[in-house]
Amino acid sequence: MIMRNTFREAFNAGKPTIGTHFLFSDPDIAELIGDTGLFDYAEFAAEYSCLDMQLLYHLARAAQCAELPLMIKLDQEGQGIWAQATIGAGFKSILFTDIRKSEDIEECHAIIRADTPTDNGRMGVKIRWPVLSSYASDQYPDDLKSLVFCVMIENKEAVENLEPILEQAKTKVIHMVQWGPADYSVSMGDPKLFHSKSIHKVEENVIRKCLEHQIAPRIEIGEVDQAKRYIGLGLGIFALVGIV
C-alpha cells in the first residue's frame, strides 16, 4: 500500500509545516512522534546515526501506523544507494546534503526520479514497498513525483555558487532549501562562527535568494520563540530541532 504524502499535500496547499528530528534506530520513536499529533513529518538524521535497509523498512512501517511521513537526511558519500533504498522503504522526503554546485542538483534529481522520457531520472522499477504488487504498476512514477525534494546549502562553495544552484533547483523542482550554519562555519575555517550573529547575514541572503527563485527555505529552530525572526521574513516552513 502506498502511503499518502500528507507532508507534500500540506506543502502544495501553501500551509505552514513543522517537523522534528530523531537519531535513535528504534522504530518505536517514529511511531511515538506521530502519536503526539504535533508534527507534519519527522526527519531521521541518518547522516549522524547508523542504519541498514531493514531499519529503513521498520521505521517507515512504524511511522505509517501513526500516519507520519518521514524524511531522511543522508550523508553525501552514500546518497545514491541510500536515497533509493529509503524511497523503496516508504519514506516520503529526501534531504540531500553538501550541495556545492549546480551539477550536484542534477545528480540528486537523477537519483530520485523515474527513468522516463519526461522525468529524466535514473530510478528504475524496484519491487519494494511502493510497488510490491507488480513491475508494471502505474503508481510508481507518481509516487516518486510525490516526494518532498530538499537540499542543503551549508558550505562556502555553495554560497559562492548560490545563484546557479538555485536556478537549477528551480528547474528540477526542488521543494525546500535548508541552510546549514555549522558546516558553513567549518568551511570558512571558523567553527565558532556558528554562534556569532554575523552569520545571520549569510543566512538571510540565502533565504532572500530562495524566495526570489520561489523555492521555500526550510528553517531549523531550537525553540518556538526563535520562529518570530523568520516569520517576520515571511516564512512558515520549520523543522523544530528536538533530537530524540
C-alpha atoms as a PDB file:
ATOM      1  CA  MET A   1       0.000   0.000   0.000  1.00  0.00           C
ATOM      2  CA  ILE A   2       1.343   3.415  -0.957  1.00  0.00           C
ATOM      3  CA  MET A   3       1.060   5.848   1.936  1.00  0.00           C
ATOM      4  CA  ARG A   4      -0.353   9.306   1.212  1.00  0.00           C
ATOM      5  CA  ASN A   5       2.265  12.006   1.421  1.00  0.00           C
ATOM      6  CA  THR A   6       0.393  14.414   3.682  1.00  0.00           C
ATOM      7  CA  PHE A   7       3.585  16.460   4.063  1.00  0.00           C
ATOM      8  CA  ARG A   8       3.629  17.135   0.315  1.00  0.00           C
ATOM      9  CA  GLU A   9      -0.102  17.832   0.314  1.00  0.00           C
ATOM     10  CA  ALA A  10       0.340  20.491   3.007  1.00  0.00           C
ATOM     11  CA  PHE A  11       3.274  21.964   1.106  1.00  0.00           C
ATOM     12  CA  ASN A  12       1.283  22.110  -2.140  1.00  0.00           C
ATOM     13  CA  ALA A  13      -1.544  23.850  -0.296  1.00  0.00           C
ATOM     14  CA  GLY A  14       0.853  26.516   0.986  1.00  0.00           C
ATOM     15  CA  LYS A  15       0.279  25.551   4.608  1.00  0.00           C
ATOM     16  CA  PRO A  16       2.940  26.068   7.298  1.00  0.00           C
ATOM     17  CA  THR A  17       4.520  22.780   8.376  1.00  0.00           C
ATOM     18  CA  ILE A  18       6.590  21.713  11.324  1.00  0.00           C
ATOM     19  CA  GLY A  19       8.793  18.669  11.791  1.00  0.00           C
ATOM     20  CA  THR A  20      11.292  17.284  14.255  1.00  0.00           C
ATOM     21  CA  HIS A  21      14.488  15.232  14.147  1.00  0.00           C
ATOM     22  CA  PHE A  22      15.324  11.866  15.610  1.00  0.00           C
ATOM     23  CA  LEU A  23      18.528   9.815  15.726  1.00  0.00           C
ATOM     24  CA  PHE A  24      17.565   6.621  17.521  1.00  0.00           C
ATOM     25  CA  SER A  25      17.360   3.492  15.394  1.00  0.00           C
ATOM     26  CA  ASP A  26      14.289   2.299  17.288  1.00  0.00           C
ATOM     27  CA  PRO A  27      11.115   2.233  15.158  1.00  0.00           C
ATOM     28  CA  ASP A  28       9.011   2.989  18.238  1.00  0.00           C
ATOM     29  CA  ILE A  29      10.415   6.536  18.212  1.00  0.00           C
ATOM     30  CA  ALA A  30       8.950   7.288  14.788  1.00  0.00           C
ATOM     31  CA  GLU A  31       5.556   5.975  15.849  1.00  0.00           C
ATOM     32  CA  LEU A  32       5.636   7.880  19.147  1.00  0.00           C
ATOM     33  CA  ILE A  33       6.432  11.139  17.337  1.00  0.00           C
ATOM     34  CA  GLY A  34       3.447  10.564  15.086  1.00  0.00           C
ATOM     35  CA  ASP A  35       1.210   9.683  18.007  1.00  0.00           C
ATOM     36  CA  THR A  36       1.808  13.107  19.567  1.00  0.00           C
ATOM     37  CA  GLY A  37      -0.091  14.659  16.669  1.00  0.00           C
ATOM     38  CA  LEU A  38       2.202  17.691  16.857  1.00  0.00           C
ATOM     39  CA  PHE A  39       4.239  17.263  13.685  1.00  0.00           C
ATOM     40  CA  ASP A  40       3.610  17.145   9.947  1.00  0.00           C
ATOM     41  CA  TYR A  41       6.678  14.938   9.426  1.00  0.00           C
ATOM     42  CA  ALA A  42       9.773  13.649  11.197  1.00  0.00           C
ATOM     43  CA  GLU A  43      13.340  13.640   9.914  1.00  0.00           C
ATOM     44  CA  PHE A  44      15.564  10.634  10.516  1.00  0.00           C
ATOM     45  CA  ALA A  45      19.001  12.278  10.684  1.00  0.00           C
ATOM     46  CA  ALA A  46      20.788   9.274   9.196  1.00  0.00           C
ATOM     47  CA  GLU A  47      23.889  11.330   8.478  1.00  0.00           C
ATOM     48  CA  TYR A  48      24.553  11.280  12.225  1.00  0.00           C
ATOM     49  CA  SER A  49      23.217   7.833  13.017  1.00  0.00           C
ATOM     50  CA  CYS A  50      23.536   4.212  11.889  1.00  0.00           C
ATOM     51  CA  LEU A  51      21.227   2.384   9.507  1.00  0.00           C
ATOM     52  CA  ASP A  52      20.654  -0.602   7.312  1.00  0.00           C
ATOM     53  CA  MET A  53      17.896  -1.472   4.855  1.00  0.00           C
ATOM     54  CA  GLN A  54      15.846  -3.433   7.381  1.00  0.00           C
ATOM     55  CA  LEU A  55      15.837  -0.463   9.735  1.00  0.00           C
ATOM     56  CA  LEU A  56      14.502   1.817   6.989  1.00  0.00           C
ATOM     57  CA  TYR A  57      11.566  -0.525   6.410  1.00  0.00           C
ATOM     58  CA  HIS A  58      10.836  -0.828  10.136  1.00  0.00           C
ATOM     59  CA  LEU A  59      10.925   2.953  10.577  1.00  0.00           C
ATOM     60  CA  ALA A  60       8.628   3.572   7.628  1.00  0.00           C
ATOM     61  CA  ARG A  61       6.092   0.961   8.745  1.00  0.00           C
ATOM     62  CA  ALA A  62       6.078   2.222  12.331  1.00  0.00           C
ATOM     63  CA  ALA A  63       5.595   5.807  11.170  1.00  0.00           C
ATOM     64  CA  GLN A  64       2.767   4.743   8.899  1.00  0.00           C
ATOM     65  CA  CYS A  65       0.931   3.361  11.948  1.00  0.00           C
ATOM     66  CA  ALA A  66       0.786   6.955  13.185  1.00  0.00           C
ATOM     67  CA  GLU A  67       0.213   8.437   9.686  1.00  0.00           C
ATOM     68  CA  LEU A  68       3.527  10.277   9.935  1.00  0.00           C
ATOM     69  CA  PRO A  69       5.509  10.915   6.725  1.00  0.00           C
ATOM     70  CA  LEU A  70       9.263  10.513   7.172  1.00  0.00           C
ATOM     71  CA  MET A  71      12.183  12.472   5.763  1.00  0.00           C
ATOM     72  CA  ILE A  72      15.759  11.217   5.722  1.00  0.00           C
ATOM     73  CA  LYS A  73      18.913  13.309   5.879  1.00  0.00           C
ATOM     74  CA  LEU A  74      21.664  11.479   4.005  1.00  0.00           C
ATOM     75  CA  ASP A  75      25.424  11.569   4.052  1.00  0.00           C
ATOM     76  CA  GLN A  76      26.633  12.740   0.648  1.00  0.00           C
ATOM     77  CA  GLU A  77      29.077   9.907   0.007  1.00  0.00           C
ATOM     78  CA  GLY A  78      26.428   7.196   0.024  1.00  0.00           C
ATOM     79  CA  GLN A  79      23.440   9.227  -1.094  1.00  0.00           C
ATOM     80  CA  GLY A  80      22.657   7.312  -4.295  1.00  0.00           C
ATOM     81  CA  ILE A  81      22.065   3.825  -2.941  1.00  0.00           C
ATOM     82  CA  TRP A  82      20.586   5.033   0.354  1.00  0.00           C
ATOM     83  CA  ALA A  83      18.176   7.525  -1.229  1.00  0.00           C
ATOM     84  CA  GLN A  84      16.762   4.831  -3.495  1.00  0.00           C
ATOM     85  CA  ALA A  85      16.620   2.295  -0.645  1.00  0.00           C
ATOM     86  CA  THR A  86      14.835   4.851   1.537  1.00  0.00           C
ATOM     87  CA  ILE A  87      12.226   5.565  -1.119  1.00  0.00           C
ATOM     88  CA  GLY A  88      11.759   1.834  -1.546  1.00  0.00           C
ATOM     89  CA  ALA A  89      11.106   1.515   2.177  1.00  0.00           C
ATOM     90  CA  GLY A  90       8.352   4.127   2.054  1.00  0.00           C
ATOM     91  CA  PHE A  91       9.937   7.413   3.186  1.00  0.00           C
ATOM     92  CA  LYS A  92       8.259  10.469   1.702  1.00  0.00           C
ATOM     93  CA  SER A  93      11.015  13.069   1.657  1.00  0.00           C
ATOM     94  CA  ILE A  94      14.754  13.179   0.936  1.00  0.00           C
ATOM     95  CA  LEU A  95      17.180  15.826   2.223  1.00  0.00           C
ATOM     96  CA  PHE A  96      20.438  15.859   0.273  1.00  0.00           C
ATOM     97  CA  THR A  97      23.485  17.374   1.975  1.00  0.00           C
ATOM     98  CA  ASP A  98      26.670  19.177   0.898  1.00  0.00           C
ATOM     99  CA  ILE A  99      25.415  20.754  -2.326  1.00  0.00           C
ATOM    100  CA  ARG A 100      28.313  22.734  -3.803  1.00  0.00           C
ATOM    101  CA  LYS A 101      27.440  23.498  -7.427  1.00  0.00           C
ATOM    102  CA  SER A 102      24.526  23.323  -9.850  1.00  0.00           C
ATOM    103  CA  GLU A 103      25.680  19.942 -11.158  1.00  0.00           C
ATOM    104  CA  ASP A 104      25.019  18.486  -7.707  1.00  0.00           C
ATOM    105  CA  ILE A 105      21.343  19.410  -8.118  1.00  0.00           C
ATOM    106  CA  GLU A 106      21.216  17.466 -11.377  1.00  0.00           C
ATOM    107  CA  GLU A 107      22.774  14.438  -9.692  1.00  0.00           C
ATOM    108  CA  CYS A 108      20.299  14.460  -6.799  1.00  0.00           C
ATOM    109  CA  HIS A 109      17.395  14.835  -9.220  1.00  0.00           C
ATOM    110  CA  ALA A 110      18.566  11.864 -11.281  1.00  0.00           C
ATOM    111  CA  ILE A 111      18.869   9.671  -8.184  1.00  0.00           C
ATOM    112  CA  ILE A 112      15.229  10.003  -7.108  1.00  0.00           C
ATOM    113  CA  ARG A 113      13.320  10.483 -10.359  1.00  0.00           C
ATOM    114  CA  ALA A 114      11.962   7.735 -12.594  1.00  0.00           C
ATOM    115  CA  ASP A 115      13.786   6.670 -15.747  1.00  0.00           C
ATOM    116  CA  THR A 116      11.131   8.041 -18.107  1.00  0.00           C
ATOM    117  CA  PRO A 117      11.382  10.303 -21.180  1.00  0.00           C
ATOM    118  CA  THR A 118       9.884  13.188 -19.215  1.00  0.00           C
ATOM    119  CA  ASP A 119      11.432  12.727 -15.763  1.00  0.00           C
ATOM    120  CA  ASN A 120      14.989  12.016 -16.977  1.00  0.00           C
ATOM    121  CA  GLY A 121      15.973  10.190 -13.823  1.00  0.00           C
ATOM    122  CA  ARG A 122      17.917   7.016 -13.110  1.00  0.00           C
ATOM    123  CA  MET A 123      15.466   5.362 -10.720  1.00  0.00           C
ATOM    124  CA  GLY A 124      14.480   2.032 -12.207  1.00  0.00           C
ATOM    125  CA  VAL A 125      11.470  -0.007 -11.140  1.00  0.00           C
ATOM    126  CA  LYS A 126      12.272  -1.877  -7.950  1.00  0.00           C
ATOM    127  CA  ILE A 127       9.849  -4.305  -6.321  1.00  0.00           C
ATOM    128  CA  ARG A 128       9.945  -2.658  -2.933  1.00  0.00           C
ATOM    129  CA  TRP A 129       7.208  -1.396  -0.682  1.00  0.00           C
ATOM    130  CA  PRO A 130       5.570   1.180  -3.013  1.00  0.00           C
ATOM    131  CA  VAL A 131       5.146  -1.424  -5.799  1.00  0.00           C
ATOM    132  CA  LEU A 132       5.094  -4.840  -4.190  1.00  0.00           C
ATOM    133  CA  SER A 133       2.238  -5.981  -6.420  1.00  0.00           C
ATOM    134  CA  SER A 134       3.649  -5.605  -9.910  1.00  0.00           C
ATOM    135  CA  TYR A 135       6.559  -4.449 -12.058  1.00  0.00           C
ATOM    136  CA  ALA A 136       4.016  -2.676 -14.252  1.00  0.00           C
ATOM    137  CA  SER A 137       2.437  -0.518 -11.550  1.00  0.00           C
ATOM    138  CA  ASP A 138       1.441   2.869 -12.950  1.00  0.00           C
ATOM    139  CA  GLN A 139       1.589   4.246  -9.401  1.00  0.00           C
ATOM    140  CA  TYR A 140       5.368   4.041  -9.203  1.00  0.00           C
ATOM    141  CA  PRO A 141       6.347   7.172 -11.197  1.00  0.00           C
ATOM    142  CA  ASP A 142       3.591   9.157  -9.489  1.00  0.00           C
ATOM    143  CA  ASP A 143       4.792   8.046  -6.056  1.00  0.00           C
ATOM    144  CA  LEU A 144       8.296   9.258  -6.907  1.00  0.00           C
ATOM    145  CA  LYS A 145       6.889  12.598  -8.029  1.00  0.00           C
ATOM    146  CA  SER A 146       5.078  12.957  -4.694  1.00  0.00           C
ATOM    147  CA  LEU A 147       8.352  13.052  -2.739  1.00  0.00           C
ATOM    148  CA  VAL A 148       9.346  16.267  -0.984  1.00  0.00           C
ATOM    149  CA  PHE A 149      12.744  17.023  -2.533  1.00  0.00           C
ATOM    150  CA  CYS A 150      15.095  19.071  -0.304  1.00  0.00           C
ATOM    151  CA  VAL A 151      18.740  20.124  -0.448  1.00  0.00           C
ATOM    152  CA  MET A 152      21.157  21.838   1.918  1.00  0.00           C
ATOM    153  CA  ILE A 153      23.214  24.980   1.361  1.00  0.00           C
ATOM    154  CA  GLU A 154      25.868  24.584   4.010  1.00  0.00           C
ATOM    155  CA  ASN A 155      29.350  25.458   2.803  1.00  0.00           C
ATOM    156  CA  LYS A 156      31.398  28.326   1.428  1.00  0.00           C
ATOM    157  CA  GLU A 157      31.415  26.945  -2.117  1.00  0.00           C
ATOM    158  CA  ALA A 158      27.626  26.625  -2.192  1.00  0.00           C
ATOM    159  CA  VAL A 159      27.153  30.202  -1.001  1.00  0.00           C
ATOM    160  CA  GLU A 160      29.542  31.422  -3.685  1.00  0.00           C
ATOM    161  CA  ASN A 161      27.611  29.439  -6.327  1.00  0.00           C
ATOM    162  CA  LEU A 162      24.194  30.196  -4.866  1.00  0.00           C
ATOM    163  CA  GLU A 163      22.634  31.806  -7.940  1.00  0.00           C
ATOM    164  CA  PRO A 164      23.321  28.970 -10.432  1.00  0.00           C
ATOM    165  CA  ILE A 165      22.455  26.381  -7.773  1.00  0.00           C
ATOM    166  CA  LEU A 166      19.043  27.950  -7.167  1.00  0.00           C
ATOM    167  CA  GLU A 167      18.398  28.394 -10.878  1.00  0.00           C
ATOM    168  CA  GLN A 168      18.965  24.679 -11.362  1.00  0.00           C
ATOM    169  CA  ALA A 169      16.968  23.881  -8.222  1.00  0.00           C
ATOM    170  CA  LYS A 170      14.014  25.768  -9.681  1.00  0.00           C
ATOM    171  CA  THR A 171      14.341  23.877 -12.969  1.00  0.00           C
ATOM    172  CA  LYS A 172      14.495  20.494 -11.216  1.00  0.00           C
ATOM    173  CA  VAL A 173      11.595  21.339  -8.871  1.00  0.00           C
ATOM    174  CA  ILE A 174      13.419  21.380  -5.548  1.00  0.00           C
ATOM    175  CA  HIS A 175      10.763  21.999  -2.907  1.00  0.00           C
ATOM    176  CA  MET A 176      12.881  23.238   0.003  1.00  0.00           C
ATOM    177  CA  VAL A 177      16.358  24.543   0.686  1.00  0.00           C
ATOM    178  CA  GLN A 178      17.864  24.059   4.152  1.00  0.00           C
ATOM    179  CA  TRP A 179      20.524  26.423   5.491  1.00  0.00           C
ATOM    180  CA  GLY A 180      23.354  24.699   7.397  1.00  0.00           C
ATOM    181  CA  PRO A 181      25.323  27.115   9.596  1.00  0.00           C
ATOM    182  CA  ALA A 182      27.547  24.513  11.295  1.00  0.00           C
ATOM    183  CA  ASP A 183      29.144  23.146   8.137  1.00  0.00           C
ATOM    184  CA  TYR A 184      29.327  26.629   6.661  1.00  0.00           C
ATOM    185  CA  SER A 185      31.284  27.828   9.680  1.00  0.00           C
ATOM    186  CA  VAL A 186      33.751  24.954   9.379  1.00  0.00           C
ATOM    187  CA  SER A 187      34.157  25.565   5.641  1.00  0.00           C
ATOM    188  CA  MET A 188      35.043  29.181   6.471  1.00  0.00           C
ATOM    189  CA  GLY A 189      37.767  27.948   8.835  1.00  0.00           C
ATOM    190  CA  ASP A 190      35.995  29.229  11.950  1.00  0.00           C
ATOM    191  CA  PRO A 191      33.706  26.713  13.726  1.00  0.00           C
ATOM    192  CA  LYS A 192      32.804  29.366  16.315  1.00  0.00           C
ATOM    193  CA  LEU A 193      31.186  31.444  13.560  1.00  0.00           C
ATOM    194  CA  PHE A 194      28.128  29.225  14.126  1.00  0.00           C
ATOM    195  CA  HIS A 195      27.457  31.055  17.400  1.00  0.00           C
ATOM    196  CA  SER A 196      28.026  34.557  16.011  1.00  0.00           C
ATOM    197  CA  LYS A 197      25.229  36.857  14.923  1.00  0.00           C
ATOM    198  CA  SER A 198      27.377  37.842  11.935  1.00  0.00           C
ATOM    199  CA  ILE A 199      26.400  34.555  10.272  1.00  0.00           C
ATOM    200  CA  HIS A 200      22.795  35.772  10.174  1.00  0.00           C
ATOM    201  CA  LYS A 201      23.662  38.000   7.199  1.00  0.00           C
ATOM    202  CA  VAL A 202      24.711  34.993   5.161  1.00  0.00           C
ATOM    203  CA  GLU A 203      21.642  33.028   6.218  1.00  0.00           C
ATOM    204  CA  GLU A 204      19.310  35.893   5.383  1.00  0.00           C
ATOM    205  CA  ASN A 205      20.905  36.263   1.960  1.00  0.00           C
ATOM    206  CA  VAL A 206      20.294  32.556   1.299  1.00  0.00           C
ATOM    207  CA  ILE A 207      16.683  32.950   2.433  1.00  0.00           C
ATOM    208  CA  ARG A 208      16.169  36.046   0.285  1.00  0.00           C
ATOM    209  CA  LYS A 209      17.634  34.345  -2.797  1.00  0.00           C
ATOM    210  CA  CYS A 210      15.469  31.265  -2.248  1.00  0.00           C
ATOM    211  CA  LEU A 211      12.349  33.410  -2.086  1.00  0.00           C
ATOM    212  CA  GLU A 212      13.400  35.236  -5.261  1.00  0.00           C
ATOM    213  CA  HIS A 213      13.583  31.863  -7.008  1.00  0.00           C
ATOM    214  CA  GLN A 214      10.251  30.807  -5.465  1.00  0.00           C
ATOM    215  CA  ILE A 215      11.844  27.964  -3.501  1.00  0.00           C
ATOM    216  CA  ALA A 216      10.798  27.504   0.111  1.00  0.00           C
ATOM    217  CA  PRO A 217      13.551  27.990   2.704  1.00  0.00           C
ATOM    218  CA  ARG A 218      13.331  25.347   5.438  1.00  0.00           C
ATOM    219  CA  ILE A 219      14.401  26.750   8.791  1.00  0.00           C
ATOM    220  CA  GLU A 220      15.667  24.896  11.867  1.00  0.00           C
ATOM    221  CA  ILE A 221      14.812  26.380  15.241  1.00  0.00           C
ATOM    222  CA  GLY A 222      15.619  25.183  18.739  1.00  0.00           C
ATOM    223  CA  GLU A 223      12.676  26.792  20.499  1.00  0.00           C
ATOM    224  CA  VAL A 224       9.404  28.366  19.487  1.00  0.00           C
ATOM    225  CA  ASP A 225      10.427  31.966  20.208  1.00  0.00           C
ATOM    226  CA  GLN A 226      13.133  31.716  17.552  1.00  0.00           C
ATOM    227  CA  ALA A 227      10.411  31.374  14.918  1.00  0.00           C
ATOM    228  CA  LYS A 228       9.469  35.049  15.311  1.00  0.00           C
ATOM    229  CA  ARG A 229      12.538  36.253  13.406  1.00  0.00           C
ATOM    230  CA  TYR A 230      11.738  34.028  10.454  1.00  0.00           C
ATOM    231  CA  ILE A 231       8.013  34.674  10.422  1.00  0.00           C
ATOM    232  CA  GLY A 232       8.969  38.311  10.059  1.00  0.00           C
ATOM    233  CA  LEU A 233      10.740  37.303   6.853  1.00  0.00           C
ATOM    234  CA  GLY A 234       7.555  35.691   5.588  1.00  0.00           C
ATOM    235  CA  LEU A 235       8.468  32.074   6.301  1.00  0.00           C
ATOM    236  CA  GLY A 236       6.295  29.271   7.590  1.00  0.00           C
ATOM    237  CA  ILE A 237       8.227  26.055   6.988  1.00  0.00           C
ATOM    238  CA  PHE A 238      10.053  24.904  10.096  1.00  0.00           C
ATOM    239  CA  ALA A 239      11.960  21.935  11.386  1.00  0.00           C
ATOM    240  CA  LEU A 240      11.768  22.240  15.148  1.00  0.00           C
ATOM    241  CA  VAL A 241      15.035  20.730  16.332  1.00  0.00           C
ATOM    242  CA  GLY A 242      14.164  18.231  19.011  1.00  0.00           C
ATOM    243  CA  ILE A 243      16.744  15.451  18.905  1.00  0.00           C
ATOM    244  CA  VAL A 244      15.402  12.251  20.484  1.00  0.00           C
END
